[in-house]
PDB file of N, CA and C in Angstrom:
ATOM      1  N   MET A   1       0.509  -9.757  16.429  1.00  0.00           N
ATOM      2  CA  MET A   1      -0.049  -9.213  14.730  1.00  0.00           C
ATOM      3  C   MET A   1      -1.240  -8.782  14.392  1.00  0.00           C
ATOM      4  N   LYS A   2      -1.284  -7.665  13.451  1.00  0.00           N
ATOM      5  CA  LYS A   2      -2.467  -6.604  13.267  1.00  0.00           C
ATOM      6  C   LYS A   2      -3.123  -7.164  12.191  1.00  0.00           C
ATOM      7  N   VAL A   3      -4.604  -6.480  11.938  1.00  0.00           N
ATOM      8  CA  VAL A   3      -5.074  -6.435  10.392  1.00  0.00           C
ATOM      9  C   VAL A   3      -5.809  -5.686  10.914  1.00  0.00           C
ATOM     10  N   ILE A   4      -5.349  -5.167   9.038  1.00  0.00           N
ATOM     11  CA  ILE A   4      -5.831  -4.096   8.977  1.00  0.00           C
ATOM     12  C   ILE A   4      -7.088  -4.306   7.833  1.00  0.00           C
ATOM     13  N   LEU A   5      -8.422  -4.008   7.548  1.00  0.00           N
ATOM     14  CA  LEU A   5      -8.972  -4.140   6.628  1.00  0.00           C
ATOM     15  C   LEU A   5      -9.340  -3.162   5.858  1.00  0.00           C
ATOM     16  N   THR A   6      -9.311  -2.641   4.263  1.00  0.00           N
ATOM     17  CA  THR A   6      -9.707  -1.087   4.311  1.00  0.00           C
ATOM     18  C   THR A   6      -9.445  -1.511   2.775  1.00  0.00           C
ATOM     19  N   SER A   7     -10.405  -0.576   1.648  1.00  0.00           N
ATOM     20  CA  SER A   7     -10.829  -1.369   0.341  1.00  0.00           C
ATOM     21  C   SER A   7      -9.709  -0.318  -0.483  1.00  0.00           C
ATOM     22  N   SER A   8      -9.334   1.128  -0.105  1.00  0.00           N
ATOM     23  CA  SER A   8      -8.350   1.652  -0.914  1.00  0.00           C
ATOM     24  C   SER A   8      -7.381   2.026   0.334  1.00  0.00           C
ATOM     25  N   LEU A   9      -5.735   2.061  -0.255  1.00  0.00           N
ATOM     26  CA  LEU A   9      -5.122   3.270   0.902  1.00  0.00           C
ATOM     27  C   LEU A   9      -4.678   4.673  -0.020  1.00  0.00           C
ATOM     28  N   GLY A  10      -5.203   4.520  -1.419  1.00  0.00           N
ATOM     29  CA  GLY A  10      -4.856   5.601  -2.494  1.00  0.00           C
ATOM     30  C   GLY A  10      -3.030   5.435  -2.634  1.00  0.00           C
ATOM     31  N   GLY A  11      -2.240   5.944  -2.779  1.00  0.00           N
ATOM     32  CA  GLY A  11      -0.932   5.703  -2.623  1.00  0.00           C
ATOM     33  C   GLY A  11      -0.360   5.548  -4.588  1.00  0.00           C
ATOM     34  N   SER A  12      -1.451   6.486  -5.347  1.00  0.00           N
ATOM     35  CA  SER A  12      -0.991   6.700  -6.840  1.00  0.00           C
ATOM     36  C   SER A  12      -1.715   7.533  -7.054  1.00  0.00           C
ATOM     37  N   ILE A  13      -1.049   8.264  -7.993  1.00  0.00           N
ATOM     38  CA  ILE A  13      -1.567   9.351  -9.322  1.00  0.00           C
ATOM     39  C   ILE A  13      -1.424   8.272 -10.612  1.00  0.00           C
ATOM     40  N   LYS A  14      -2.349   8.978 -11.499  1.00  0.00           N
ATOM     41  CA  LYS A  14      -2.078   8.118 -13.103  1.00  0.00           C
ATOM     42  C   LYS A  14      -1.797   9.502 -13.940  1.00  0.00           C
ATOM     43  N   ALA A  15      -0.941   9.804 -14.512  1.00  0.00           N
ATOM     44  CA  ALA A  15       0.212  10.756 -15.071  1.00  0.00           C
ATOM     45  C   ALA A  15       0.783   9.629 -16.534  1.00  0.00           C
ATOM     46  N   ASP A  16       0.150  10.335 -17.864  1.00  0.00           N
ATOM     47  CA  ASP A  16       0.619  10.168 -19.120  1.00  0.00           C
ATOM     48  C   ASP A  16       0.531   8.533 -18.998  1.00  0.00           C
ATOM     49  N   GLY A  17      -0.914   8.247 -18.861  1.00  0.00           N
ATOM     50  CA  GLY A  17      -0.630   6.427 -18.558  1.00  0.00           C
ATOM     51  C   GLY A  17      -0.533   5.742 -17.760  1.00  0.00           C
ATOM     52  N   ARG A  18       0.623   6.046 -16.698  1.00  0.00           N
ATOM     53  CA  ARG A  18       1.462   5.325 -15.989  1.00  0.00           C
ATOM     54  C   ARG A  18       0.863   5.475 -14.513  1.00  0.00           C
ATOM     55  N   LYS A  19       0.693   4.535 -13.315  1.00  0.00           N
ATOM     56  CA  LYS A  19       0.661   4.775 -12.632  1.00  0.00           C
ATOM     57  C   LYS A  19       2.151   5.621 -11.506  1.00  0.00           C
ATOM     58  N   ILE A  20       1.957   6.622 -11.074  1.00  0.00           N
ATOM     59  CA  ILE A  20       3.105   7.287 -10.072  1.00  0.00           C
ATOM     60  C   ILE A  20       2.515   7.582  -8.339  1.00  0.00           C
ATOM     61  N   PRO A  21       3.775   6.945  -8.108  1.00  0.00           N
ATOM     62  CA  PRO A  21       3.758   6.874  -5.982  1.00  0.00           C
ATOM     63  C   PRO A  21       3.467   7.825  -5.862  1.00  0.00           C
ATOM     64  N   ILE A  22       2.356   8.233  -4.672  1.00  0.00           N
ATOM     65  CA  ILE A  22       2.275   9.234  -3.985  1.00  0.00           C
ATOM     66  C   ILE A  22       1.972   9.074  -2.372  1.00  0.00           C
ATOM     67  N   PRO A  23       2.127  10.048  -1.322  1.00  0.00           N
ATOM     68  CA  PRO A  23       1.857   9.174  -0.288  1.00  0.00           C
ATOM     69  C   PRO A  23       0.411   8.764  -0.013  1.00  0.00           C
ATOM     70  N   LEU A  24       0.478   7.866   0.956  1.00  0.00           N
ATOM     71  CA  LEU A  24      -0.930   7.602   1.100  1.00  0.00           C
ATOM     72  C   LEU A  24      -2.102   8.212   1.443  1.00  0.00           C
ATOM     73  N   MET A  25      -3.371   8.252   1.857  1.00  0.00           N
ATOM     74  CA  MET A  25      -3.995   9.036   1.167  1.00  0.00           C
ATOM     75  C   MET A  25      -4.644   9.158   3.076  1.00  0.00           C
ATOM     76  N   ASN A  26      -5.100   9.816   3.610  1.00  0.00           N
ATOM     77  CA  ASN A  26      -5.099   9.940   5.094  1.00  0.00           C
ATOM     78  C   ASN A  26      -6.185  11.062   5.247  1.00  0.00           C
ATOM     79  N   GLU A  27      -7.321  11.490   4.112  1.00  0.00           N
ATOM     80  CA  GLU A  27      -8.430  12.017   4.296  1.00  0.00           C
ATOM     81  C   GLU A  27     -10.032  11.347   5.585  1.00  0.00           C
ATOM     82  N   ASN A  28      -9.810   9.790   5.365  1.00  0.00           N
ATOM     83  CA  ASN A  28     -10.367   9.191   6.680  1.00  0.00           C
ATOM     84  C   ASN A  28      -9.676   9.367   7.591  1.00  0.00           C
ATOM     85  N   GLY A  29      -8.493   9.199   7.662  1.00  0.00           N
ATOM     86  CA  GLY A  29      -7.517   8.980   9.230  1.00  0.00           C
ATOM     87  C   GLY A  29      -7.306   7.876   8.976  1.00  0.00           C
ATOM     88  N   GLN A  30      -7.701   6.824   8.079  1.00  0.00           N
ATOM     89  CA  GLN A  30      -6.668   5.669   8.051  1.00  0.00           C
ATOM     90  C   GLN A  30      -5.771   5.684   8.147  1.00  0.00           C
ATOM     91  N   LEU A  31      -4.576   6.381   7.437  1.00  0.00           N
ATOM     92  CA  LEU A  31      -2.660   6.513   7.271  1.00  0.00           C
ATOM     93  C   LEU A  31      -2.856   6.569   8.866  1.00  0.00           C
ATOM     94  N   ASP A  32      -3.539   7.304   9.495  1.00  0.00           N
ATOM     95  CA  ASP A  32      -2.657   7.720  10.833  1.00  0.00           C
ATOM     96  C   ASP A  32      -3.348   6.501  11.951  1.00  0.00           C
ATOM     97  N   ARG A  33      -4.723   5.523  11.413  1.00  0.00           N
ATOM     98  CA  ARG A  33      -4.402   4.804  12.669  1.00  0.00           C
ATOM     99  C   ARG A  33      -3.252   3.796  12.289  1.00  0.00           C
ATOM    100  N   ILE A  34      -3.361   3.486  10.547  1.00  0.00           N
ATOM    101  CA  ILE A  34      -2.372   2.419  10.323  1.00  0.00           C
ATOM    102  C   ILE A  34      -0.991   2.817  11.362  1.00  0.00           C
ATOM    103  N   LYS A  35      -0.661   4.664  10.957  1.00  0.00           N
ATOM    104  CA  LYS A  35       0.932   4.565  11.720  1.00  0.00           C
ATOM    105  C   LYS A  35       1.169   4.816  13.449  1.00  0.00           C
ATOM    106  N   ALA A  36      -0.525   4.558  13.760  1.00  0.00           N
ATOM    107  CA  ALA A  36      -0.668   4.302  15.471  1.00  0.00           C
ATOM    108  C   ALA A  36      -0.351   3.150  15.611  1.00  0.00           C
ATOM    109  N   LEU A  37      -0.360   2.575  14.680  1.00  0.00           N
ATOM    110  CA  LEU A  37      -0.178   0.422  14.741  1.00  0.00           C
ATOM    111  C   LEU A  37       1.179  -0.050  14.512  1.00  0.00           C
ATOM    112  N   TRP A  38       1.964   0.847  14.304  1.00  0.00           N
ATOM    113  CA  TRP A  38       2.632   0.500  12.916  1.00  0.00           C
ATOM    114  C   TRP A  38       3.936   0.047  14.005  1.00  0.00           C
ATOM    115  N   ARG A  39       4.058  -1.316  13.440  1.00  0.00           N
ATOM    116  CA  ARG A  39       6.177  -1.310  14.428  1.00  0.00           C
ATOM    117  C   ARG A  39       6.998  -1.008  13.119  1.00  0.00           C
ATOM    118  N   GLU A  40       8.399  -0.639  13.301  1.00  0.00           N
ATOM    119  CA  GLU A  40       9.681  -0.943  12.468  1.00  0.00           C
ATOM    120  C   GLU A  40       9.839  -1.909  11.500  1.00  0.00           C
ATOM    121  N   ASN A  41       9.767  -2.352  10.471  1.00  0.00           N
ATOM    122  CA  ASN A  41       9.698  -3.163   9.781  1.00  0.00           C
ATOM    123  C   ASN A  41       8.515  -4.529  10.232  1.00  0.00           C
ATOM    124  N   SER A  42       8.062  -4.470   9.360  1.00  0.00           N
ATOM    125  CA  SER A  42       6.426  -4.694   9.325  1.00  0.00           C
ATOM    126  C   SER A  42       6.673  -5.375   8.366  1.00  0.00           C
ATOM    127  N   LYS A  43       5.477  -7.080   8.568  1.00  0.00           N
ATOM    128  CA  LYS A  43       5.458  -7.586   7.089  1.00  0.00           C
ATOM    129  C   LYS A  43       4.068  -7.477   6.310  1.00  0.00           C
ATOM    130  N   ILE A  44       3.918  -7.700   5.532  1.00  0.00           N
ATOM    131  CA  ILE A  44       2.579  -6.755   4.850  1.00  0.00           C
ATOM    132  C   ILE A  44       2.711  -8.152   3.998  1.00  0.00           C
ATOM    133  N   LEU A  45       1.128  -8.154   3.942  1.00  0.00           N
ATOM    134  CA  LEU A  45       0.592  -8.694   3.330  1.00  0.00           C
ATOM    135  C   LEU A  45      -0.842  -8.604   2.694  1.00  0.00           C
ATOM    136  N   LEU A  46      -0.627  -7.999   1.483  1.00  0.00           N
ATOM    137  CA  LEU A  46      -2.216  -7.660   0.781  1.00  0.00           C
ATOM    138  C   LEU A  46      -2.892  -8.773   0.079  1.00  0.00           C
ATOM    139  N   ILE A  47      -3.827  -8.601  -0.417  1.00  0.00           N
ATOM    140  CA  ILE A  47      -5.409  -9.653  -0.673  1.00  0.00           C
ATOM    141  C   ILE A  47      -5.701  -9.198  -1.793  1.00  0.00           C
ATOM    142  N   SER A  48      -5.409  -9.488  -2.831  1.00  0.00           N
ATOM    143  CA  SER A  48      -5.724  -8.887  -4.528  1.00  0.00           C
ATOM    144  C   SER A  48      -6.964  -9.205  -4.615  1.00  0.00           C
ATOM    145  N   GLY A  49      -8.326  -8.169  -5.392  1.00  0.00           N
ATOM    146  CA  GLY A  49      -9.592  -8.529  -5.519  1.00  0.00           C
ATOM    147  C   GLY A  49      -9.352  -9.232  -7.410  1.00  0.00           C
ATOM    148  N   THR A  50      -8.332  -9.268  -7.659  1.00  0.00           N
ATOM    149  CA  THR A  50      -8.091  -9.921  -8.863  1.00  0.00           C
ATOM    150  C   THR A  50      -6.765 -10.764  -8.748  1.00  0.00           C
ATOM    151  N   PRO A  51      -6.775 -12.393  -8.028  1.00  0.00           N
ATOM    152  CA  PRO A  51      -5.477 -12.570  -7.961  1.00  0.00           C
ATOM    153  C   PRO A  51      -5.020 -13.018  -8.780  1.00  0.00           C
ATOM    154  N   ASP A  52      -5.451 -13.509 -10.342  1.00  0.00           N
ATOM    155  CA  ASP A  52      -5.168 -13.546 -11.582  1.00  0.00           C
ATOM    156  C   ASP A  52      -4.447 -12.942 -12.551  1.00  0.00           C
ATOM    157  N   ASP A  53      -4.713 -11.675 -12.252  1.00  0.00           N
ATOM    158  CA  ASP A  53      -4.432 -10.511 -12.849  1.00  0.00           C
ATOM    159  C   ASP A  53      -2.994 -10.964 -12.452  1.00  0.00           C
ATOM    160  N   TYR A  54      -1.639 -10.969 -12.912  1.00  0.00           N
ATOM    161  CA  TYR A  54      -0.480 -10.969 -12.277  1.00  0.00           C
ATOM    162  C   TYR A  54       0.601  -9.623 -12.496  1.00  0.00           C
ATOM    163  N   SER A  55      -0.067  -9.071 -13.842  1.00  0.00           N
ATOM    164  CA  SER A  55       0.487  -7.872 -14.286  1.00  0.00           C
ATOM    165  C   SER A  55       0.075  -6.453 -13.583  1.00  0.00           C
ATOM    166  N   ARG A  56      -1.140  -6.744 -13.046  1.00  0.00           N
ATOM    167  CA  ARG A  56      -2.076  -5.649 -12.333  1.00  0.00           C
ATOM    168  C   ARG A  56      -1.139  -5.530 -10.954  1.00  0.00           C
ATOM    169  N   ASN A  57      -1.234  -6.637 -10.512  1.00  0.00           N
ATOM    170  CA  ASN A  57      -1.078  -6.990  -9.726  1.00  0.00           C
ATOM    171  C   ASN A  57       0.938  -6.517  -9.147  1.00  0.00           C
ATOM    172  N   ASP A  58       1.609  -6.574  -9.713  1.00  0.00           N
ATOM    173  CA  ASP A  58       2.569  -6.238  -9.754  1.00  0.00           C
ATOM    174  C   ASP A  58       3.099  -5.309 -10.240  1.00  0.00           C
ATOM    175  N   GLY A  59       2.242  -3.993 -10.578  1.00  0.00           N
ATOM    176  CA  GLY A  59       1.847  -2.572 -10.743  1.00  0.00           C
ATOM    177  C   GLY A  59       1.946  -1.897  -9.439  1.00  0.00           C
ATOM    178  N   ILE A  60       0.513  -2.838  -8.854  1.00  0.00           N
ATOM    179  CA  ILE A  60       0.329  -2.357  -7.515  1.00  0.00           C
ATOM    180  C   ILE A  60       1.325  -2.615  -6.549  1.00  0.00           C
ATOM    181  N   ILE A  61       2.144  -3.569  -6.083  1.00  0.00           N
ATOM    182  CA  ILE A  61       2.658  -3.470  -5.674  1.00  0.00           C
ATOM    183  C   ILE A  61       4.026  -3.041  -5.103  1.00  0.00           C
ATOM    184  N   SER A  62       4.275  -2.630  -6.353  1.00  0.00           N
ATOM    185  CA  SER A  62       5.244  -1.631  -7.259  1.00  0.00           C
ATOM    186  C   SER A  62       5.427  -0.503  -6.503  1.00  0.00           C
ATOM    187  N   CYS A  63       4.269  -0.179  -6.959  1.00  0.00           N
ATOM    188  CA  CYS A  63       3.733   1.424  -6.553  1.00  0.00           C
ATOM    189  C   CYS A  63       3.084   1.657  -5.044  1.00  0.00           C
ATOM    190  N   LEU A  64       2.923   0.527  -4.643  1.00  0.00           N
ATOM    191  CA  LEU A  64       2.511   1.027  -2.816  1.00  0.00           C
ATOM    192  C   LEU A  64       3.722   0.605  -2.230  1.00  0.00           C
ATOM    193  N   LYS A  65       4.517  -0.170  -2.227  1.00  0.00           N
ATOM    194  CA  LYS A  65       5.800   0.024  -2.105  1.00  0.00           C
ATOM    195  C   LYS A  65       6.970   1.538  -1.636  1.00  0.00           C
ATOM    196  N   GLU A  66       6.512   1.793  -2.710  1.00  0.00           N
ATOM    197  CA  GLU A  66       6.732   3.330  -2.562  1.00  0.00           C
ATOM    198  C   GLU A  66       6.050   4.421  -1.889  1.00  0.00           C
ATOM    199  N   SER A  67       4.864   3.944  -1.369  1.00  0.00           N
ATOM    200  CA  SER A  67       3.488   5.098  -1.300  1.00  0.00           C
ATOM    201  C   SER A  67       4.047   4.586  -0.033  1.00  0.00           C
ATOM    202  N   PHE A  68       4.482   3.400   0.853  1.00  0.00           N
ATOM    203  CA  PHE A  68       4.820   3.540   2.077  1.00  0.00           C
ATOM    204  C   PHE A  68       5.914   4.091   2.799  1.00  0.00           C
ATOM    205  N   TYR A  69       6.771   3.859   2.022  1.00  0.00           N
ATOM    206  CA  TYR A  69       7.715   4.492   2.462  1.00  0.00           C
ATOM    207  C   TYR A  69       7.727   5.967   2.071  1.00  0.00           C
ATOM    208  N   MET A  70       6.800   6.721   1.568  1.00  0.00           N
ATOM    209  CA  MET A  70       7.043   8.526   1.251  1.00  0.00           C
ATOM    210  C   MET A  70       5.704   8.046   2.425  1.00  0.00           C
ATOM    211  N   SER A  71       4.994   7.798   2.934  1.00  0.00           N
ATOM    212  CA  SER A  71       3.959   8.047   3.850  1.00  0.00           C
ATOM    213  C   SER A  71       5.029   7.376   5.707  1.00  0.00           C
ATOM    214  N   GLY A  72       6.220   7.016   5.794  1.00  0.00           N
ATOM    215  CA  GLY A  72       6.867   6.215   6.681  1.00  0.00           C
ATOM    216  C   GLY A  72       6.576   5.470   7.509  1.00  0.00           C
ATOM    217  N   LEU A  73       6.619   4.797   6.499  1.00  0.00           N
ATOM    218  CA  LEU A  73       5.656   3.451   6.805  1.00  0.00           C
ATOM    219  C   LEU A  73       6.774   2.637   6.363  1.00  0.00           C
ATOM    220  N   PHE A  74       7.725   1.998   7.223  1.00  0.00           N
ATOM    221  CA  PHE A  74       8.715   0.974   6.287  1.00  0.00           C
ATOM    222  C   PHE A  74       8.679  -0.101   6.960  1.00  0.00           C
ATOM    223  N   PHE A  75       8.901  -0.850   5.655  1.00  0.00           N
ATOM    224  CA  PHE A  75       8.291  -2.362   6.611  1.00  0.00           C
ATOM    225  C   PHE A  75      10.153  -3.601   5.341  1.00  0.00           C
ATOM    226  N   PHE A  76      10.194  -5.051   5.759  1.00  0.00           N
ATOM    227  CA  PHE A  76      10.500  -5.702   5.909  1.00  0.00           C
ATOM    228  C   PHE A  76      10.182  -6.982   4.430  1.00  0.00           C
ATOM    229  N   VAL A  77       9.293  -6.994   4.729  1.00  0.00           N
ATOM    230  CA  VAL A  77       8.730  -7.889   3.237  1.00  0.00           C
ATOM    231  C   VAL A  77       6.606  -6.992   3.020  1.00  0.00           C
ATOM    232  N   PHE A  78       6.655  -7.292   1.717  1.00  0.00           N
ATOM    233  CA  PHE A  78       5.225  -7.288   1.159  1.00  0.00           C
ATOM    234  C   PHE A  78       5.163  -7.813   0.189  1.00  0.00           C
ATOM    235  N   ARG A  79       4.261  -8.863   0.363  1.00  0.00           N
ATOM    236  CA  ARG A  79       3.683  -9.368  -0.112  1.00  0.00           C
ATOM    237  C   ARG A  79       2.062  -9.249  -1.079  1.00  0.00           C
ATOM    238  N   ILE A  80       1.428 -10.010  -2.107  1.00  0.00           N
ATOM    239  CA  ILE A  80       0.139  -9.645  -2.386  1.00  0.00           C
ATOM    240  C   ILE A  80      -0.005 -10.833  -3.152  1.00  0.00           C
ATOM    241  N   VAL A  81      -1.401 -11.897  -2.301  1.00  0.00           N
ATOM    242  CA  VAL A  81      -1.723 -12.877  -3.124  1.00  0.00           C
ATOM    243  C   VAL A  81      -3.373 -12.635  -3.745  1.00  0.00           C
TER     244      VAL A  81
END
């Protein structure tokens, strides 16, 4: 198991009041570090700063799933708690 701690990976832009998925940011080299550790069909667990805000969390996970795929990071399970 690998644990990666980060406050934000980017992965979206706001257009017309909606979040649109984009590839994860790599300005700080974080994406490169994740790719170096990544295994195909990984299991991802995100810990939310606002666990009771179900609507917000659903939007975040939906967008991030696409962003991970766009960044070449394929996974088996993607959950948020």
